[in-house]
């Protein structure tokens, strides 16, 4: 039973991280844009990265919102691409972080439930004191389709897993989207190290193989999520995707933001955490 509980815990966070990978890799890298930039009159078809050097202005941030079956937010991820460091960073933001918008006190979670994803994005900008370019919302059904589109998720089971809905023997298995989501739903205990799992999952799916599937994956993305990304965003940033996936020094980083209780009991970022998140 102890081994089974451990397996459940691993997959609860694996599902969350899978959402991040599915949403941020396809939406963040493929669809990043900044509204303050002037639109191009046409999108270049030249995807060669030879002599291509993106600068700091090509970086971006997007808020990925994981929602339950009723489309209520239950977790938030800030995904950022820093071209200068050739680094993609995924940061889990506590939904109970206190933030005030337009004189209305609340939390990141309550602002989302009060007025939706745009309000959650505004709350994230206030919390981080920086611009967040886009938002993307993924529900259970969408997550299943996206996980399947990426080819599933491999994982090594050191202990057999037996539940009312699942029976998985010891060994390395390729799991489909339904299995990953079901494992998350049946979990009931602690959370393992997110960074290690994130690195393993990113290593599986964030590869050059995505380059030949980008157009199709983008269509799967927009069909299974809500968000404010566009086809123009995707087309105009294909070269950035190719540059990142083929760069020999590309980095991946994932962690949960540290938070602490203030004297009044509200939850806030720990000292220095905002600077850590923004790199």
Protein backbone atom coordinates (compact mmCIF):
# COMPACT_ATOMS: atom_id res chain seq x y z
CA UNK A 1 0.00 0.00 0.00
CA UNK A 2 2.87 2.39 0.75
CA UNK A 3 4.28 1.85 -2.74
CA UNK A 4 0.87 2.40 -4.27
CA UNK A 5 0.38 5.67 -2.40
CA UNK A 6 3.80 6.79 -3.58
CA UNK A 7 2.89 6.00 -7.18
CA UNK A 8 -0.34 7.96 -6.81
CA UNK A 9 1.56 10.95 -5.47
CA UNK A 10 3.98 10.88 -8.38
CA UNK A 11 1.23 10.92 -10.93
CA UNK A 12 -0.82 13.63 -9.28
CA UNK A 13 1.95 16.10 -10.00
CA UNK A 14 2.78 14.38 -13.29
CA UNK A 15 -0.68 15.34 -14.52
CA UNK A 16 -0.14 18.96 -13.51
CA UNK A 17 3.24 19.02 -15.19
CA UNK A 18 1.77 17.34 -18.28
CA UNK A 19 -0.69 20.21 -18.57
CA UNK A 20 2.18 22.60 -18.43
CA UNK A 21 4.12 20.79 -21.09
CA UNK A 22 1.14 20.40 -23.38
CA UNK A 23 -0.07 23.92 -22.93
CA UNK A 24 3.14 25.85 -22.58
CA UNK A 25 5.22 24.06 -25.18
CA UNK A 26 2.54 24.29 -27.85
CA UNK A 27 1.00 27.58 -26.79
CA UNK A 28 3.88 29.40 -25.20
CA UNK A 29 6.62 28.65 -27.69
CA UNK A 30 4.43 28.18 -30.75
CA UNK A 31 2.01 30.99 -29.99
CA UNK A 32 3.94 33.62 -28.04
CA UNK A 33 3.34 37.22 -28.90
CA UNK A 34 3.46 40.65 -27.34
CA UNK A 35 0.57 43.03 -27.93
CA UNK A 36 2.83 46.05 -27.70
CA UNK A 37 4.74 45.06 -30.84
CA UNK A 38 3.62 46.32 -34.22
CA UNK A 39 2.13 43.54 -36.38
CA UNK A 40 4.09 42.55 -39.47
CA UNK A 41 2.47 43.08 -42.86
CA UNK A 42 3.23 39.49 -43.74
CA UNK A 43 4.72 36.44 -42.08
CA UNK A 44 8.09 35.31 -43.37
CA UNK A 45 8.33 31.75 -44.67
CA UNK A 46 12.08 31.65 -43.97
CA UNK A 47 12.53 29.30 -41.02
CA UNK A 48 16.30 28.99 -41.21
CA UNK A 49 17.97 29.74 -37.88
CA UNK A 50 21.37 30.35 -39.40
CA UNK A 51 22.52 33.80 -38.27
CA UNK A 52 19.30 34.12 -36.26
CA UNK A 53 19.83 35.65 -32.83
CA UNK A 54 16.65 36.58 -30.91
CA UNK A 55 17.09 39.36 -28.36
CA UNK A 56 15.54 40.04 -24.97
CA UNK A 57 12.45 41.62 -26.57
CA UNK A 58 11.57 38.24 -28.11
CA UNK A 59 11.05 36.73 -24.65
CA UNK A 60 7.55 36.12 -23.35
CA UNK A 61 5.42 35.05 -20.40
CA UNK A 62 2.12 33.18 -20.47
CA UNK A 63 -0.21 32.13 -17.66
CA UNK A 64 -1.36 28.51 -18.00
CA UNK A 65 -4.55 27.78 -16.04
CA UNK A 66 -5.44 24.16 -15.28
CA UNK A 67 -9.20 23.82 -14.69
CA UNK A 68 -11.42 21.04 -13.41
CA UNK A 69 -14.30 19.38 -15.28
CA UNK A 70 -16.53 22.36 -14.43
CA UNK A 71 -13.90 24.75 -15.86
CA UNK A 72 -13.01 26.10 -12.42
CA UNK A 73 -9.34 26.98 -12.02
CA UNK A 74 -7.41 24.77 -9.64
CA UNK A 75 -3.75 25.52 -10.47
CA UNK A 76 -1.64 28.15 -12.21
CA UNK A 77 1.67 27.92 -14.07
CA UNK A 78 3.73 30.84 -15.32
CA UNK A 79 5.70 29.78 -18.41
CA UNK A 80 8.54 32.04 -19.57
CA UNK A 81 11.04 31.86 -22.41
CA UNK A 82 14.27 33.80 -21.97
CA UNK A 83 16.14 33.95 -25.31
CA UNK A 84 19.25 35.43 -23.70
CA UNK A 85 19.60 32.40 -21.42
CA UNK A 86 18.05 29.96 -23.95
CA UNK A 87 15.85 28.83 -21.08
CA UNK A 88 12.21 27.81 -20.73
CA UNK A 89 11.00 28.16 -17.13
CA UNK A 90 7.75 26.80 -15.69
CA UNK A 91 6.76 28.09 -12.25
CA UNK A 92 3.80 26.82 -10.23
CA UNK A 93 2.05 29.79 -8.58
CA UNK A 94 0.00 29.18 -5.40
CA UNK A 95 -3.64 30.00 -6.10
CA UNK A 96 -4.03 31.49 -2.61
CA UNK A 97 -1.52 34.30 -3.17
CA UNK A 98 -3.17 37.54 -1.99
CA UNK A 99 -3.65 40.26 -4.63
CA UNK A 100 -5.81 43.39 -4.88
CA UNK A 101 -7.31 44.46 -8.22
CA UNK A 102 -9.20 47.71 -8.71
CA UNK A 103 -9.59 48.00 -4.95
CA UNK A 104 -11.02 44.49 -4.65
CA UNK A 105 -9.09 42.23 -2.29
CA UNK A 106 -8.78 38.55 -3.11
CA UNK A 107 -6.44 35.80 -4.27
CA UNK A 108 -5.21 34.67 -7.65
CA UNK A 109 -7.78 31.87 -7.47
CA UNK A 110 -10.70 34.05 -6.36
CA UNK A 111 -10.06 36.66 -9.05
CA UNK A 112 -10.19 33.92 -11.68
CA UNK A 113 -13.46 32.57 -10.29
CA UNK A 114 -14.88 36.09 -10.04
CA UNK A 115 -14.20 37.27 -13.59
CA UNK A 116 -12.35 34.54 -15.50
CA UNK A 117 -8.99 34.07 -17.16
CA UNK A 118 -8.38 37.69 -18.17
CA UNK A 119 -8.81 38.69 -14.54
CA UNK A 120 -6.40 35.94 -13.46
CA UNK A 121 -3.83 37.25 -15.94
CA UNK A 122 -4.20 40.78 -14.54
CA UNK A 123 -3.78 39.40 -11.01
CA UNK A 124 -0.61 37.56 -12.05
CA UNK A 125 0.78 40.79 -13.53
CA UNK A 126 0.16 42.62 -10.24
CA UNK A 127 1.73 39.82 -8.21
CA UNK A 128 4.84 39.71 -10.41
CA UNK A 129 4.94 43.43 -11.23
CA UNK A 130 5.56 42.62 -14.90
CA UNK A 131 3.63 42.02 -18.12
CA UNK A 132 2.21 38.59 -18.88
CA UNK A 133 1.60 38.26 -22.62
CA UNK A 134 -1.06 35.57 -22.91
CA UNK A 135 -3.23 33.07 -21.02
CA UNK A 136 -4.27 29.51 -21.79
CA UNK A 137 -6.91 27.42 -20.01
CA UNK A 138 -6.97 23.59 -20.07
CA UNK A 139 -9.75 21.34 -18.72
CA UNK A 140 -9.75 17.59 -18.04
CA UNK A 141 -11.11 16.66 -21.46
CA UNK A 142 -8.68 18.97 -23.23
CA UNK A 143 -5.77 17.60 -21.22
CA UNK A 144 -6.59 14.03 -22.27
CA UNK A 145 -6.65 14.96 -25.96
CA UNK A 146 -3.44 16.97 -25.72
CA UNK A 147 -1.54 14.22 -23.88
CA UNK A 148 -2.63 11.73 -26.54
CA UNK A 149 -1.63 14.13 -29.34
CA UNK A 150 1.89 14.34 -27.92
CA UNK A 151 2.15 10.56 -27.84
CA UNK A 152 1.39 9.86 -24.20
CA UNK A 153 3.75 9.82 -21.26
CA UNK A 154 6.26 7.13 -20.29
CA UNK A 155 6.84 6.24 -16.67
CA UNK A 156 8.64 3.56 -14.68
CA UNK A 157 6.58 1.77 -11.99
CA UNK A 158 8.72 0.26 -9.24
CA UNK A 159 5.60 -1.08 -7.53
CA UNK A 160 2.40 -2.51 -9.08
CA UNK A 161 -0.52 -0.12 -9.04
CA UNK A 162 -4.01 -1.47 -8.32
CA UNK A 163 -7.12 0.68 -7.98
CA UNK A 164 -10.80 0.26 -8.83
CA UNK A 165 -10.18 1.73 -12.28
CA UNK A 166 -6.54 0.93 -13.01
CA UNK A 167 -4.22 -2.06 -12.93
CA UNK A 168 -0.60 -1.34 -13.90
CA UNK A 169 2.17 -3.91 -13.34
CA UNK A 170 5.78 -3.17 -12.47
CA UNK A 171 7.85 -1.84 -15.38
CA UNK A 172 8.08 1.06 -17.79
CA UNK A 173 4.80 1.89 -19.50
CA UNK A 174 3.51 4.34 -22.08
CA UNK A 175 0.43 5.96 -20.54
CA UNK A 176 -2.37 7.60 -22.50
CA UNK A 177 -4.13 10.79 -21.49
CA UNK A 178 -7.07 9.07 -19.80
CA UNK A 179 -4.72 7.00 -17.63
CA UNK A 180 -2.69 10.03 -16.53
CA UNK A 181 -5.82 12.00 -15.65
CA UNK A 182 -7.36 9.05 -13.81
CA UNK A 183 -4.20 8.61 -11.76
CA UNK A 184 -4.40 12.24 -10.74
CA UNK A 185 -8.04 11.92 -9.74
CA UNK A 186 -7.38 8.85 -7.57
CA UNK A 187 -4.36 10.27 -5.76
CA UNK A 188 -4.81 11.14 -2.11
CA UNK A 189 -1.46 11.83 -0.50
CA UNK A 190 1.76 13.91 -0.69
CA UNK A 191 3.50 15.65 -3.59
CA UNK A 192 6.96 14.54 -4.79
CA UNK A 193 9.67 16.81 -6.16
CA UNK A 194 8.16 18.65 -9.12
CA UNK A 195 11.43 19.70 -10.70
CA UNK A 196 12.68 16.15 -11.21
CA UNK A 197 9.42 14.95 -12.78
CA UNK A 198 9.19 18.07 -14.92
CA UNK A 199 12.71 17.57 -16.26
CA UNK A 200 11.97 13.93 -17.11
CA UNK A 201 8.73 14.73 -18.94
CA UNK A 202 10.21 17.69 -20.80
CA UNK A 203 13.11 15.51 -21.87
CA UNK A 204 10.64 13.06 -23.41
CA UNK A 205 8.54 15.48 -25.46
CA UNK A 206 10.42 18.76 -25.93
CA UNK A 207 12.58 17.62 -28.85
CA UNK A 208 13.28 18.49 -32.47
CA UNK A 209 10.56 16.01 -33.47
CA UNK A 210 8.02 18.68 -32.59
CA UNK A 211 9.23 20.74 -35.56
CA UNK A 212 7.57 18.44 -38.10
CA UNK A 213 4.28 18.29 -36.17
CA UNK A 214 3.88 21.93 -35.24
CA UNK A 215 1.02 22.89 -37.57
CA UNK A 216 -1.10 19.90 -36.58
CA UNK A 217 -0.31 20.24 -32.88
CA UNK A 218 -1.31 23.90 -32.94
CA UNK A 219 -4.71 22.97 -34.38
CA UNK A 220 -5.15 20.30 -31.70
CA UNK A 221 -4.21 22.91 -29.10
CA UNK A 222 -6.74 25.55 -30.13
CA UNK A 223 -9.44 22.87 -30.49
CA UNK A 224 -8.96 21.63 -26.93
CA UNK A 225 -8.22 24.78 -24.92
CA UNK A 226 -9.46 28.30 -24.32
CA UNK A 227 -7.07 31.20 -24.64
CA UNK A 228 -6.11 34.41 -26.40
CA UNK A 229 -3.43 33.05 -28.69
CA UNK A 230 -3.88 33.34 -32.46
CA UNK A 231 -2.86 31.71 -35.72
CA UNK A 232 -0.77 34.79 -36.49
CA UNK A 233 1.10 34.34 -33.20
CA UNK A 234 1.98 30.81 -34.19
CA UNK A 235 3.03 31.56 -37.75
CA UNK A 236 5.16 34.55 -36.78
CA UNK A 237 7.09 32.62 -34.12
CA UNK A 238 7.89 29.36 -35.86
CA UNK A 239 11.50 30.43 -36.21
CA UNK A 240 11.77 31.04 -32.47
CA UNK A 241 10.48 27.51 -31.85
CA UNK A 242 12.97 26.01 -34.28
CA UNK A 243 15.81 28.06 -32.79
CA UNK A 244 15.03 26.93 -29.24
CA UNK A 245 14.51 23.24 -30.00
CA UNK A 246 17.71 22.97 -32.04
CA UNK A 247 19.91 25.05 -29.74
CA UNK A 248 22.57 22.89 -28.12
CA UNK A 249 22.56 24.99 -24.95
CA UNK A 250 18.80 25.10 -24.38
CA UNK A 251 17.73 24.79 -20.76
CA UNK A 252 14.60 23.63 -18.94
CA UNK A 253 13.67 24.65 -15.44
CA UNK A 254 10.61 23.97 -13.32
CA UNK A 255 9.85 24.78 -9.70
CA UNK A 256 7.08 25.78 -7.29
CA UNK A 257 7.12 29.39 -6.09
CA UNK A 258 7.84 29.77 -2.39
CA UNK A 259 5.24 31.64 -0.35
CA UNK A 260 4.81 32.73 3.27
CA UNK A 261 2.08 34.10 5.54
CA UNK A 262 2.15 37.80 6.36
CA UNK A 263 1.26 39.17 9.79
CA UNK A 264 -2.39 39.48 8.72
CA UNK A 265 -2.48 35.84 7.62
CA UNK A 266 -2.49 36.48 3.85
CA UNK A 267 -0.21 34.47 1.58
CA UNK A 268 2.56 36.33 -0.26
CA UNK A 269 5.76 35.51 -2.15
CA UNK A 270 8.71 34.69 0.08
CA UNK A 271 11.50 37.25 0.17
CA UNK A 272 13.39 37.33 -3.13
CA UNK A 273 10.99 34.91 -4.81
CA UNK A 274 9.63 37.39 -7.35
CA UNK A 275 13.16 38.08 -8.57
CA UNK A 276 13.86 34.34 -8.76
CA UNK A 277 10.73 33.75 -10.85
CA UNK A 278 11.57 36.52 -13.31
CA UNK A 279 15.16 35.35 -13.68
